[in-house]
N, C-alpha and C. Protein backbone atom coordinates (compact mmCIF):
# COMPACT_ATOMS: atom_id res chain seq x y z
N UNK A 1 0.82 -1.19 0.11
CA UNK A 1 0.23 0.33 -0.22
C UNK A 1 1.06 0.97 -0.05
N UNK A 2 0.41 2.25 -0.60
CA UNK A 2 1.55 3.51 -0.47
C UNK A 2 0.39 4.59 -0.59
N UNK A 3 0.16 5.26 0.81
CA UNK A 3 -0.66 6.25 0.94
C UNK A 3 -0.17 7.98 -0.04
N UNK A 4 -1.49 7.64 -1.09
CA UNK A 4 -0.57 8.82 -2.07
C UNK A 4 -1.26 9.96 -1.70
N UNK A 5 -2.95 10.26 -1.13
CA UNK A 5 -3.61 11.03 -0.83
C UNK A 5 -3.78 10.95 0.71
N UNK A 6 -3.11 12.20 1.08
CA UNK A 6 -3.18 12.72 2.60
C UNK A 6 -4.13 13.89 2.70
N UNK A 7 -5.40 14.07 3.95
CA UNK A 7 -6.12 14.53 4.04
C UNK A 7 -5.31 15.43 5.30
N UNK A 8 -5.28 16.56 5.44
CA UNK A 8 -4.54 17.15 6.32
C UNK A 8 -5.66 18.47 6.93
N UNK A 9 -6.24 18.62 8.19
CA UNK A 9 -6.83 19.41 8.65
C UNK A 9 -6.32 21.36 8.02
N UNK A 10 -6.65 21.92 7.67
CA UNK A 10 -6.30 23.40 7.21
C UNK A 10 -5.63 23.99 8.28
N UNK A 11 -5.94 23.69 9.44
CA UNK A 11 -5.41 24.58 10.87
C UNK A 11 -3.89 24.07 10.62
N UNK A 12 -3.96 23.13 10.20
CA UNK A 12 -2.51 22.10 10.43
C UNK A 12 -1.31 22.00 9.27
N UNK A 13 -2.02 22.25 8.20
CA UNK A 13 -1.30 21.85 7.09
C UNK A 13 -0.24 22.56 6.85
N UNK A 14 0.05 23.85 7.01
CA UNK A 14 1.62 24.20 6.72
C UNK A 14 2.73 23.52 7.50
N UNK A 15 2.26 23.60 8.77
CA UNK A 15 3.31 22.79 9.67
C UNK A 15 3.59 21.66 9.46
N UNK A 16 2.47 20.89 9.01
CA UNK A 16 2.56 19.28 8.32
C UNK A 16 3.47 18.88 7.66
N UNK A 17 3.36 20.28 6.41
CA UNK A 17 4.33 20.28 5.05
C UNK A 17 5.51 20.82 5.39
N UNK A 18 5.95 21.45 6.49
CA UNK A 18 7.48 21.55 6.63
C UNK A 18 8.11 20.62 7.41
N UNK A 19 7.25 19.93 8.19
CA UNK A 19 7.79 18.75 8.84
C UNK A 19 8.47 17.49 8.42
N UNK A 20 6.87 17.25 7.28
CA UNK A 20 7.14 16.54 6.09
C UNK A 20 8.21 16.38 4.99
N UNK A 21 8.53 17.90 4.75
CA UNK A 21 9.70 18.24 3.74
C UNK A 21 11.14 17.72 4.53
N UNK A 22 11.12 17.95 5.87
CA UNK A 22 12.01 18.21 6.82
C UNK A 22 12.43 16.54 6.61
N UNK A 23 11.31 16.05 7.08
CA UNK A 23 11.82 14.17 6.87
C UNK A 23 12.23 13.77 5.93
N UNK A 24 11.86 14.48 4.57
CA UNK A 24 11.95 13.64 3.73
C UNK A 24 13.59 14.24 2.70
N UNK A 25 13.72 15.47 3.59
CA UNK A 25 15.19 15.61 3.36
C UNK A 25 16.15 14.95 3.94
N UNK A 26 15.78 14.23 4.43
CA UNK A 26 16.79 12.76 5.43
C UNK A 26 16.69 11.53 4.91
N UNK A 27 15.82 11.17 3.47
CA UNK A 27 15.58 10.23 3.00
C UNK A 27 16.75 9.82 2.33
N UNK A 28 16.84 8.66 2.68
CA UNK A 28 17.96 7.44 1.77
C UNK A 28 17.53 7.32 0.65
N UNK A 29 18.03 7.57 -0.55
CA UNK A 29 17.12 6.60 -1.76
C UNK A 29 18.32 6.06 -2.73
N UNK A 30 18.05 5.03 -2.69
CA UNK A 30 19.36 4.12 -3.28
C UNK A 30 18.26 2.31 -3.03
N UNK A 31 19.59 1.81 -3.24
CA UNK A 31 19.21 0.36 -3.33
C UNK A 31 18.12 0.14 -2.56
N UNK A 32 17.42 -1.14 -2.72
CA UNK A 32 16.09 -1.61 -2.21
C UNK A 32 17.05 -2.62 -1.24
N UNK A 33 17.85 -3.44 -1.96
CA UNK A 33 18.38 -4.33 -0.66
C UNK A 33 18.95 -3.80 0.32
N UNK A 34 19.20 -2.69 0.44
CA UNK A 34 20.23 -2.27 1.81
C UNK A 34 18.91 -1.67 2.80
N UNK A 35 19.11 -1.91 3.86
CA UNK A 35 18.15 -1.68 4.78
C UNK A 35 17.90 -0.55 5.20
N UNK A 36 19.29 0.73 5.20
CA UNK A 36 19.25 2.16 5.33
C UNK A 36 18.16 2.48 4.19
N UNK A 37 17.81 2.06 3.18
CA UNK A 37 16.88 2.75 2.26
C UNK A 37 15.98 3.17 2.29
N UNK A 38 15.54 4.52 2.50
CA UNK A 38 14.23 4.70 2.67
C UNK A 38 13.30 4.75 0.81
N UNK A 39 13.59 5.49 0.16
CA UNK A 39 13.16 5.14 -0.94
C UNK A 39 13.97 4.19 -2.31
N UNK A 40 13.67 3.42 -2.76
CA UNK A 40 14.40 2.69 -3.82
C UNK A 40 14.04 3.27 -5.43
N UNK A 41 14.02 2.44 -6.36
CA UNK A 41 14.11 2.97 -7.87
C UNK A 41 12.39 2.58 -8.26
N UNK A 42 11.97 2.92 -9.62
CA UNK A 42 10.81 2.49 -10.15
C UNK A 42 11.13 1.32 -10.78
N UNK A 43 10.44 0.69 -10.83
CA UNK A 43 10.60 -1.13 -11.31
C UNK A 43 10.84 -0.82 -13.13
N UNK A 44 10.62 0.20 -13.68
CA UNK A 44 11.16 0.25 -15.24
C UNK A 44 11.43 1.63 -15.93
N UNK A 45 11.90 1.67 -17.01
CA UNK A 45 12.52 3.20 -17.67
C UNK A 45 11.00 3.77 -17.90
N UNK A 46 9.99 2.56 -18.42
CA UNK A 46 8.43 2.80 -18.65
C UNK A 46 7.82 3.51 -17.07
N UNK A 47 8.10 2.97 -16.37
CA UNK A 47 7.48 3.60 -15.09
C UNK A 47 7.85 4.53 -14.60
N UNK A 48 9.43 4.89 -14.82
CA UNK A 48 9.76 6.00 -14.41
C UNK A 48 9.11 6.94 -15.04
N UNK A 49 8.95 7.18 -17.09
CA UNK A 49 8.01 7.71 -17.51
C UNK A 49 6.63 8.25 -17.00
N UNK A 50 6.06 7.16 -16.30
CA UNK A 50 4.88 7.24 -16.01
C UNK A 50 4.75 8.26 -14.92
N UNK A 51 5.14 8.02 -14.06
CA UNK A 51 5.52 8.89 -12.63
C UNK A 51 6.09 10.33 -13.06
N UNK A 52 7.05 10.28 -13.68
CA UNK A 52 7.41 11.96 -14.18
C UNK A 52 6.64 12.52 -15.41
N UNK A 53 5.36 11.81 -15.88
CA UNK A 53 4.54 12.59 -16.65
C UNK A 53 3.36 13.17 -15.61
N UNK A 54 2.87 12.10 -14.38
CA UNK A 54 2.00 12.48 -13.64
C UNK A 54 2.32 13.74 -12.82
N UNK A 55 3.83 13.79 -12.18
CA UNK A 55 4.39 15.23 -11.35
C UNK A 55 4.02 16.17 -12.93
N UNK A 56 4.18 16.05 -13.75
CA UNK A 56 3.94 16.86 -15.39
C UNK A 56 2.65 17.42 -14.90
N UNK A 57 1.97 16.17 -14.79
CA UNK A 57 0.14 16.79 -15.05
C UNK A 57 -0.16 17.65 -13.58
N UNK A 58 0.39 17.21 -12.46
CA UNK A 58 -0.14 17.65 -11.25
C UNK A 58 0.42 19.22 -11.62
N UNK A 59 1.66 19.73 -11.75
CA UNK A 59 2.34 21.42 -12.13
C UNK A 59 1.10 21.61 -13.11
N UNK A 60 0.32 20.88 -14.22
CA UNK A 60 0.12 21.58 -15.08
C UNK A 60 -1.20 22.15 -14.74
N UNK A 61 -2.08 21.39 -14.02
CA UNK A 61 -3.18 21.42 -13.01
C UNK A 61 -3.39 22.50 -12.16
N UNK A 62 -2.44 23.10 -11.56
CA UNK A 62 -2.48 23.69 -10.64
C UNK A 62 -1.99 23.34 -9.07
N UNK A 63 -1.39 22.24 -9.55
CA UNK A 63 -0.77 21.98 -8.11
C UNK A 63 0.72 22.80 -7.59
N UNK A 64 0.54 23.00 -6.10
CA UNK A 64 1.73 23.57 -5.41
C UNK A 64 3.21 22.36 -5.52
N UNK A 65 3.90 22.76 -6.31
CA UNK A 65 5.06 21.44 -5.94
C UNK A 65 6.13 21.82 -4.23
N UNK A 66 5.86 21.37 -3.69
CA UNK A 66 6.44 21.65 -2.04
C UNK A 66 7.97 20.96 -2.27
N UNK A 67 8.35 19.82 -2.63
CA UNK A 67 9.20 19.36 -2.88
C UNK A 67 9.47 17.95 -3.77
N UNK A 68 10.49 17.80 -4.03
CA UNK A 68 10.80 16.71 -4.95
C UNK A 68 10.66 16.90 -6.59
N UNK A 69 9.89 16.08 -7.26
CA UNK A 69 9.52 16.35 -8.44
C UNK A 69 10.93 15.72 -9.67
N UNK A 70 11.69 15.42 -9.33
CA UNK A 70 12.83 15.35 -10.40
C UNK A 70 13.37 13.81 -10.76
N UNK A 71 13.78 13.60 -11.44
CA UNK A 71 14.42 12.55 -11.59
C UNK A 71 15.77 12.65 -10.86
N UNK A 72 16.34 11.47 -10.36
CA UNK A 72 17.97 11.70 -9.80
C UNK A 72 18.91 11.17 -10.66
N UNK A 73 20.04 11.52 -11.05
CA UNK A 73 21.02 11.00 -11.59
C UNK A 73 20.84 10.74 -13.07
N UNK A 74 21.45 10.04 -13.52
CA UNK A 74 21.05 9.10 -15.37
C UNK A 74 21.27 7.85 -15.01
N UNK A 75 21.50 7.54 -13.99
CA UNK A 75 22.02 5.71 -13.63
C UNK A 75 20.15 5.58 -13.03
N UNK A 76 19.89 4.33 -13.74
CA UNK A 76 18.62 4.01 -12.39
C UNK A 76 17.57 4.81 -12.70
N UNK A 77 16.77 3.91 -12.38
CA UNK A 77 15.19 4.98 -12.23
C UNK A 77 14.40 5.64 -11.11
N UNK A 78 15.20 6.32 -10.60
CA UNK A 78 15.17 7.21 -9.10
C UNK A 78 14.56 8.66 -9.51
N UNK A 79 12.88 8.60 -8.91
CA UNK A 79 12.50 10.20 -8.54
C UNK A 79 12.69 10.36 -7.28
N UNK A 80 12.99 11.68 -6.87
CA UNK A 80 13.00 12.25 -5.57
C UNK A 80 11.92 12.18 -4.64
N UNK A 81 11.37 12.10 -3.74
CA UNK A 81 10.26 12.37 -3.38
C UNK A 81 9.34 13.08 -3.27
N UNK A 82 8.16 13.45 -3.96
CA UNK A 82 7.30 14.34 -4.07
C UNK A 82 6.29 14.72 -3.61
N UNK A 83 6.39 16.03 -2.96
CA UNK A 83 4.90 16.28 -2.09
C UNK A 83 4.28 17.56 -3.15
N UNK A 84 3.30 17.37 -3.68
CA UNK A 84 1.96 18.21 -3.79
C UNK A 84 1.26 19.23 -2.85
N UNK A 85 1.11 20.66 -2.71
CA UNK A 85 0.20 20.81 -1.99
C UNK A 85 -0.91 21.08 -2.68
N UNK A 86 -2.21 21.78 -2.24
CA UNK A 86 -3.07 22.53 -2.91
C UNK A 86 -3.33 21.75 -3.78
N UNK A 87 -3.66 21.27 -3.89
CA UNK A 87 -4.37 19.48 -4.43
C UNK A 87 -5.75 19.50 -4.25
N UNK A 88 -6.36 19.68 -5.34
CA UNK A 88 -8.07 19.24 -5.31
C UNK A 88 -8.31 18.11 -5.85
N UNK A 89 -9.41 18.02 -5.61
CA UNK A 89 -10.24 15.89 -5.60
C UNK A 89 -10.47 15.68 -7.11
N UNK A 90 -10.51 17.05 -7.97
CA UNK A 90 -10.79 16.57 -9.32
C UNK A 90 -9.53 16.64 -10.24
N UNK A 91 -8.25 16.60 -9.39
CA UNK A 91 -7.00 16.40 -10.36
C UNK A 91 -6.48 15.16 -9.85
N UNK A 92 -5.78 15.00 -11.19
CA UNK A 92 -5.49 13.04 -11.90
C UNK A 92 -4.52 13.16 -10.52
N UNK A 93 -3.51 13.88 -10.33
CA UNK A 93 -2.90 13.30 -9.12
C UNK A 93 -3.27 12.58 -7.81
N UNK A 94 -4.78 13.55 -7.71
CA UNK A 94 -5.41 12.63 -6.49
C UNK A 94 -6.60 11.47 -6.83
N UNK A 95 -6.80 11.62 -8.20
CA UNK A 95 -8.05 10.38 -8.69
C UNK A 95 -7.25 9.47 -9.31
N UNK A 96 -5.78 9.05 -9.39
CA UNK A 96 -5.43 7.74 -10.12
C UNK A 96 -4.23 7.47 -9.09
N UNK A 97 -3.89 5.84 -9.20
CA UNK A 97 -3.24 4.98 -8.90
C UNK A 97 -1.73 5.39 -9.50
N UNK A 98 -0.86 6.33 -9.10
CA UNK A 98 0.27 6.90 -9.51
C UNK A 98 1.25 5.54 -9.69
N UNK A 99 1.51 5.43 -8.06
CA UNK A 99 2.61 3.65 -7.83
C UNK A 99 3.85 4.50 -8.45
N UNK A 100 4.22 5.34 -7.71
CA UNK A 100 5.91 6.32 -7.57
C UNK A 100 5.69 7.12 -6.43
N UNK A 101 7.30 7.56 -6.02
CA UNK A 101 7.16 8.43 -4.62
C UNK A 101 6.62 9.89 -4.72
N UNK A 102 5.08 9.88 -4.86
CA UNK A 102 4.51 11.39 -5.18
C UNK A 102 3.17 11.13 -4.01
N UNK A 103 3.07 12.49 -3.24
CA UNK A 103 2.30 12.77 -2.28
C UNK A 103 1.33 13.75 -1.99
N UNK A 104 -0.31 13.58 -2.69
CA UNK A 104 -0.80 14.55 -2.90
C UNK A 104 -1.64 15.18 -1.47
N UNK A 105 -1.51 16.32 -1.24
CA UNK A 105 -2.10 16.68 0.10
C UNK A 105 -3.40 17.61 -0.26
N UNK A 106 -3.90 17.21 0.49
CA UNK A 106 -5.77 18.03 0.50
C UNK A 106 -6.31 18.04 1.59
N UNK A 107 -6.48 19.24 1.61
CA UNK A 107 -7.04 20.23 2.62
C UNK A 107 -8.40 19.74 3.04
N UNK A 108 -8.59 19.86 4.63
CA UNK A 108 -10.25 19.77 4.60
C UNK A 108 -10.34 20.04 5.77
N UNK A 109 -11.92 20.79 6.39
CA UNK A 109 -12.03 21.48 7.33
C UNK A 109 -12.99 20.74 8.43
N UNK A 110 -13.66 19.49 7.78
CA UNK A 110 -14.83 18.82 9.28
C UNK A 110 -14.70 17.42 8.78
N UNK A 111 -14.81 16.71 9.62
CA UNK A 111 -14.97 15.72 9.82
C UNK A 111 -15.71 14.83 8.63
N UNK A 112 -16.91 15.08 8.53
CA UNK A 112 -18.20 14.56 7.51
C UNK A 112 -17.42 14.94 6.13
N UNK A 113 -16.76 16.18 5.89
CA UNK A 113 -16.34 16.25 4.41
C UNK A 113 -15.11 15.44 4.18
N UNK A 114 -14.38 15.24 5.46
CA UNK A 114 -13.56 14.44 4.64
C UNK A 114 -13.71 12.93 4.52
N UNK A 115 -14.41 12.13 5.05
CA UNK A 115 -15.02 10.87 5.04
C UNK A 115 -15.41 10.94 3.64
N UNK A 116 -16.52 11.39 3.66
CA UNK A 116 -16.82 11.92 2.13
C UNK A 116 -16.03 11.66 0.85
N UNK A 117 -15.16 12.65 0.84
CA UNK A 117 -14.07 12.71 0.46
C UNK A 117 -12.78 12.09 -0.37
N UNK A 118 -12.70 11.27 1.11
CA UNK A 118 -11.72 9.96 0.79
C UNK A 118 -12.46 8.95 -0.01
N UNK A 119 -13.61 8.55 0.39
CA UNK A 119 -14.51 7.43 -0.05
C UNK A 119 -14.97 7.69 -2.07
N UNK A 120 -14.80 9.10 -2.24
CA UNK A 120 -15.03 9.36 -3.66
C UNK A 120 -13.86 9.23 -4.72
N UNK A 121 -13.90 7.76 -4.35
CA UNK A 121 -12.59 7.14 -4.89
C UNK A 121 -13.39 5.75 -6.21
N UNK A 122 -12.31 5.28 -6.74
CA UNK A 122 -12.42 3.59 -7.43
C UNK A 122 -12.07 2.77 -6.80
N UNK A 123 -11.14 3.12 -6.01
CA UNK A 123 -10.01 2.57 -5.37
C UNK A 123 -10.49 2.68 -3.61
N UNK A 124 -9.75 1.36 -3.18
CA UNK A 124 -10.50 1.39 -1.70
C UNK A 124 -9.52 0.09 -1.04
N UNK A 125 -8.33 0.39 -1.28
CA UNK A 125 -7.07 -0.75 -1.00
C UNK A 125 -6.97 -0.48 0.79
N UNK A 126 -6.40 0.83 1.43
CA UNK A 126 -6.53 0.47 2.71
C UNK A 126 -6.30 2.03 3.16
N UNK A 127 -6.09 2.49 4.30
CA UNK A 127 -6.36 3.79 4.70
C UNK A 127 -5.97 4.06 5.98
N UNK A 128 -5.50 5.16 6.34
CA UNK A 128 -4.88 5.17 8.15
C UNK A 128 -5.90 6.40 8.72
N UNK A 129 -6.25 6.57 9.69
CA UNK A 129 -6.81 7.70 10.59
C UNK A 129 -5.34 8.19 11.74
N UNK A 130 -5.27 9.37 11.50
CA UNK A 130 -4.24 9.67 12.43
C UNK A 130 -5.46 10.69 13.85
N UNK A 131 -5.65 10.52 14.81
CA UNK A 131 -5.89 11.13 15.33
C UNK A 131 -5.77 10.87 17.07
N UNK A 132 -6.05 11.83 18.34
CA UNK A 132 -6.01 11.51 19.25
C UNK A 132 -7.28 10.93 20.08
N UNK A 133 -8.42 11.34 19.08
CA UNK A 133 -9.74 10.99 19.81
C UNK A 133 -10.46 9.29 19.12
N UNK A 134 -10.77 8.75 20.55
CA UNK A 134 -10.82 7.33 20.24
C UNK A 134 -12.74 7.63 19.47
N UNK A 135 -13.27 8.42 19.82
CA UNK A 135 -14.50 8.66 19.17
C UNK A 135 -14.32 8.99 17.62
N UNK A 136 -12.97 9.35 17.35
CA UNK A 136 -13.04 9.64 15.87
C UNK A 136 -12.25 8.55 15.05
N UNK A 137 -11.58 7.86 15.78
CA UNK A 137 -10.98 6.79 15.55
C UNK A 137 -12.08 5.69 15.29
N UNK A 138 -13.33 5.53 16.01
CA UNK A 138 -13.87 4.32 15.42
C UNK A 138 -14.66 4.89 14.78
N UNK A 139 -15.54 6.18 14.74
CA UNK A 139 -16.40 6.80 13.65
C UNK A 139 -15.59 6.75 12.28
N UNK A 140 -14.46 7.09 11.97
CA UNK A 140 -13.45 7.04 10.72
C UNK A 140 -13.37 5.89 10.21
N UNK A 141 -12.85 4.80 10.79
CA UNK A 141 -12.41 3.37 10.56
C UNK A 141 -13.75 2.33 10.15
N UNK A 142 -15.08 3.04 10.73
CA UNK A 142 -16.25 2.33 10.80
C UNK A 142 -16.68 2.64 9.08
N UNK A 143 -16.76 4.28 8.82
CA UNK A 143 -17.25 4.47 7.52
C UNK A 143 -16.30 4.62 6.55
N UNK A 144 -14.77 4.26 6.81
CA UNK A 144 -13.74 4.67 5.46
C UNK A 144 -14.28 3.00 4.80
N UNK A 145 -14.11 3.47 3.47
CA UNK A 145 -14.79 2.34 2.26
C UNK A 145 -13.37 2.15 1.91
N UNK A 146 -12.95 1.65 3.05
CA UNK A 146 -11.66 0.46 2.38
C UNK A 146 -11.13 -0.63 2.81
N UNK A 147 -10.71 -1.68 2.61
CA UNK A 147 -10.50 -2.68 3.13
C UNK A 147 -9.36 -3.25 3.89
N UNK A 148 -8.85 -2.23 4.12
CA UNK A 148 -7.66 -2.59 5.49
C UNK A 148 -7.54 -1.21 5.97
N UNK A 149 -7.76 -0.80 7.30
CA UNK A 149 -7.97 0.68 7.90
C UNK A 149 -7.28 0.54 9.18
N UNK A 150 -6.27 1.30 9.59
CA UNK A 150 -5.28 1.67 10.65
C UNK A 150 -5.20 2.89 11.14
N UNK A 151 -5.26 2.72 12.47
CA UNK A 151 -5.30 4.22 13.29
C UNK A 151 -4.07 3.97 14.08
N UNK A 152 -3.11 5.40 13.50
CA UNK A 152 -1.92 6.30 14.42
C UNK A 152 -0.70 5.31 13.77
N UNK A 153 -0.91 4.68 12.67
CA UNK A 153 0.20 3.96 12.08
C UNK A 153 0.41 3.61 10.84
N UNK A 154 1.49 3.54 10.17
CA UNK A 154 1.60 3.66 8.80
C UNK A 154 0.73 2.04 8.13
N UNK A 155 0.61 2.09 7.21
CA UNK A 155 -0.05 0.99 6.17
C UNK A 155 0.92 -0.14 6.56
N UNK A 156 0.99 -1.09 7.73
CA UNK A 156 1.62 -2.46 7.62
C UNK A 156 1.00 -3.56 7.69
N UNK A 157 1.39 -4.16 6.69
CA UNK A 157 0.23 -5.49 6.92
C UNK A 157 0.92 -6.66 8.23
N UNK A 158 -0.43 -6.49 8.61
CA UNK A 158 0.05 -7.77 10.13
C UNK A 158 -0.19 -8.89 9.62
N UNK A 159 0.84 -10.04 10.23
CA UNK A 159 0.14 -11.36 9.77
C UNK A 159 -0.77 -12.23 10.41
N UNK A 160 -1.40 -12.56 9.49
CA UNK A 160 -2.74 -12.86 10.13
C UNK A 160 -4.35 -12.22 10.10
N UNK A 161 -4.04 -11.09 9.54
CA UNK A 161 -4.93 -10.47 9.33
C UNK A 161 -5.14 -9.91 7.92
N UNK A 162 -6.18 -10.20 7.83
CA UNK A 162 -6.91 -10.21 6.10
C UNK A 162 -6.26 -9.03 5.32
N UNK A 163 -6.17 -9.20 4.04
CA UNK A 163 -5.23 -7.83 2.94
C UNK A 163 -5.80 -7.98 2.02
N UNK A 164 -6.76 -6.72 1.62
CA UNK A 164 -7.22 -6.57 0.34
C UNK A 164 -8.12 -5.39 0.71
N UNK A 165 -8.31 -5.23 -0.62
CA UNK A 165 -9.26 -4.07 -0.91
C UNK A 165 -11.18 -4.01 -1.40
N UNK A 166 -11.16 -2.52 -1.40
CA UNK A 166 -12.59 -2.63 -2.35
C UNK A 166 -12.44 -1.93 -3.57
N UNK A 167 -13.58 -2.00 -4.25
CA UNK A 167 -13.69 -1.32 -5.20
C UNK A 167 -12.72 -2.00 -6.28
N UNK A 168 -11.60 -0.80 -6.96
CA UNK A 168 -10.91 -1.70 -7.83
C UNK A 168 -9.32 -1.81 -7.24
N UNK A 169 -9.55 -2.04 -5.98
CA UNK A 169 -8.02 -2.48 -5.44
C UNK A 169 -7.74 -3.83 -5.36
N UNK A 170 -7.42 -4.19 -5.98
CA UNK A 170 -7.17 -5.96 -5.78
C UNK A 170 -8.55 -6.86 -5.69
N UNK A 171 -8.52 -8.32 -5.93
CA UNK A 171 -9.36 -9.00 -6.09
C UNK A 171 -9.24 -9.95 -4.91
N UNK A 172 -10.18 -9.79 -3.88
CA UNK A 172 -10.25 -10.72 -2.72
C UNK A 172 -9.33 -9.95 -1.62
N UNK A 173 -8.89 -11.30 -0.40
CA UNK A 173 -8.27 -10.69 0.41
C UNK A 173 -6.75 -11.88 0.26
N UNK A 174 -5.88 -11.39 1.15
CA UNK A 174 -4.65 -12.11 1.35
C UNK A 174 -4.37 -12.08 2.55
N UNK A 175 -3.34 -12.74 3.19
CA UNK A 175 -2.35 -12.81 4.10
C UNK A 175 -2.55 -13.60 5.43
N UNK A 176 -4.45 -13.68 5.35
CA UNK A 176 -4.55 -14.94 6.30
C UNK A 176 -5.17 -16.22 6.12
N UNK A 177 -5.19 -17.11 6.90
CA UNK A 177 -5.65 -18.05 6.64
C UNK A 177 -6.84 -18.26 6.07
N UNK A 178 -7.83 -17.67 6.56
CA UNK A 178 -9.31 -17.71 5.53
C UNK A 178 -9.24 -17.00 4.38
N UNK A 179 -8.34 -15.78 4.04
CA UNK A 179 -8.03 -15.49 2.73
C UNK A 179 -7.68 -16.62 1.96
N UNK A 180 -6.60 -17.62 2.49
CA UNK A 180 -5.73 -18.17 1.84
C UNK A 180 -7.19 -19.98 1.09
N UNK A 181 -7.70 -20.18 2.24
CA UNK A 181 -8.76 -21.15 2.27
C UNK A 181 -9.58 -20.69 1.18
N UNK A 182 -10.18 -19.16 1.37
CA UNK A 182 -11.17 -18.48 0.09
C UNK A 182 -10.63 -18.67 -1.21
N UNK A 183 -9.30 -18.11 -1.36
CA UNK A 183 -8.55 -18.32 -2.60
C UNK A 183 -7.82 -19.43 -3.42
N UNK A 184 -7.57 -20.68 -2.04
CA UNK A 184 -6.79 -21.43 -2.95
C UNK A 184 -7.72 -22.70 -3.13
N UNK A 185 -8.73 -22.78 -2.32
CA UNK A 185 -9.90 -24.11 -2.30
C UNK A 185 -11.20 -23.91 -2.81
N UNK A 186 -11.89 -24.78 -3.31
CA UNK A 186 -13.39 -23.97 -3.72
C UNK A 186 -13.88 -25.28 -2.23
N UNK A 187 -15.19 -24.47 -2.21
CA UNK A 187 -15.96 -25.44 -1.66
C UNK A 187 -17.06 -26.17 -2.34
N UNK A 188 -17.20 -27.36 -2.20
CA UNK A 188 -18.41 -28.33 -2.38
C UNK A 188 -18.95 -28.93 -1.47
N UNK A 189 -20.28 -29.19 -2.27
CA UNK A 189 -21.20 -29.66 -1.41
C UNK A 189 -21.75 -31.43 -1.97
N UNK A 190 -21.45 -32.17 -1.24
CA UNK A 190 -22.21 -33.60 -2.14
C UNK A 190 -22.91 -34.28 -0.97
N UNK A 191 -23.88 -34.77 -1.57
CA UNK A 191 -24.78 -35.19 -1.24
C UNK A 191 -24.80 -37.15 -1.76
N UNK A 192 -24.89 -38.24 -0.90
CA UNK A 192 -24.88 -39.38 -1.02
C UNK A 192 -26.07 -40.19 -0.83
N UNK A 193 -26.57 -41.07 -1.83
CA UNK A 193 -27.68 -41.88 -0.98
C UNK A 193 -27.53 -43.18 -1.69
N UNK A 194 -26.86 -43.97 -0.98
CA UNK A 194 -26.66 -45.39 -1.89
C UNK A 194 -27.85 -46.65 -1.20
N UNK A 195 -29.02 -45.60 -0.55
CA UNK A 195 -30.16 -46.83 -0.69
C UNK A 195 -31.37 -46.98 -1.17
């Protein structure tokens, strides 16, 4: 899972962007087999071009580039971690799956609004909710249309918990015993009568 849309309350947006930019400034970009690496390369030259195309589209549609947005070097398929702000729900970078290190930051003012906007997507693989309120956590997790929702932690797959999405995000569930039985076996009812 790659959280590409982040809804941030308008009151803390700039502080959030400042802290995120500082954190990305310490990211280690390189060999994905090195445990110190934070961001690896794109899988192919084609995907590198796709992601750079999304970045260009974000700029053309009026998103504000906060950090990143460029290919790194001439060797390999590396892109700087990229953050856009002032993103609106109708922008391409907020509507489509990019499959690259591109984050769209969208503002919100109240919980009803943000739940509706988060659910306004063809995809629903995973979501996270960051809050200090148990009420907000329980309400948001129940109402978000995603197959895997976590509170106050990044999208980390947990052993033996089913993992899979809603909408166009994946086919079914995986990672749990129940999911394996569902995907790798078929139920059959047989009735015998020898009498």
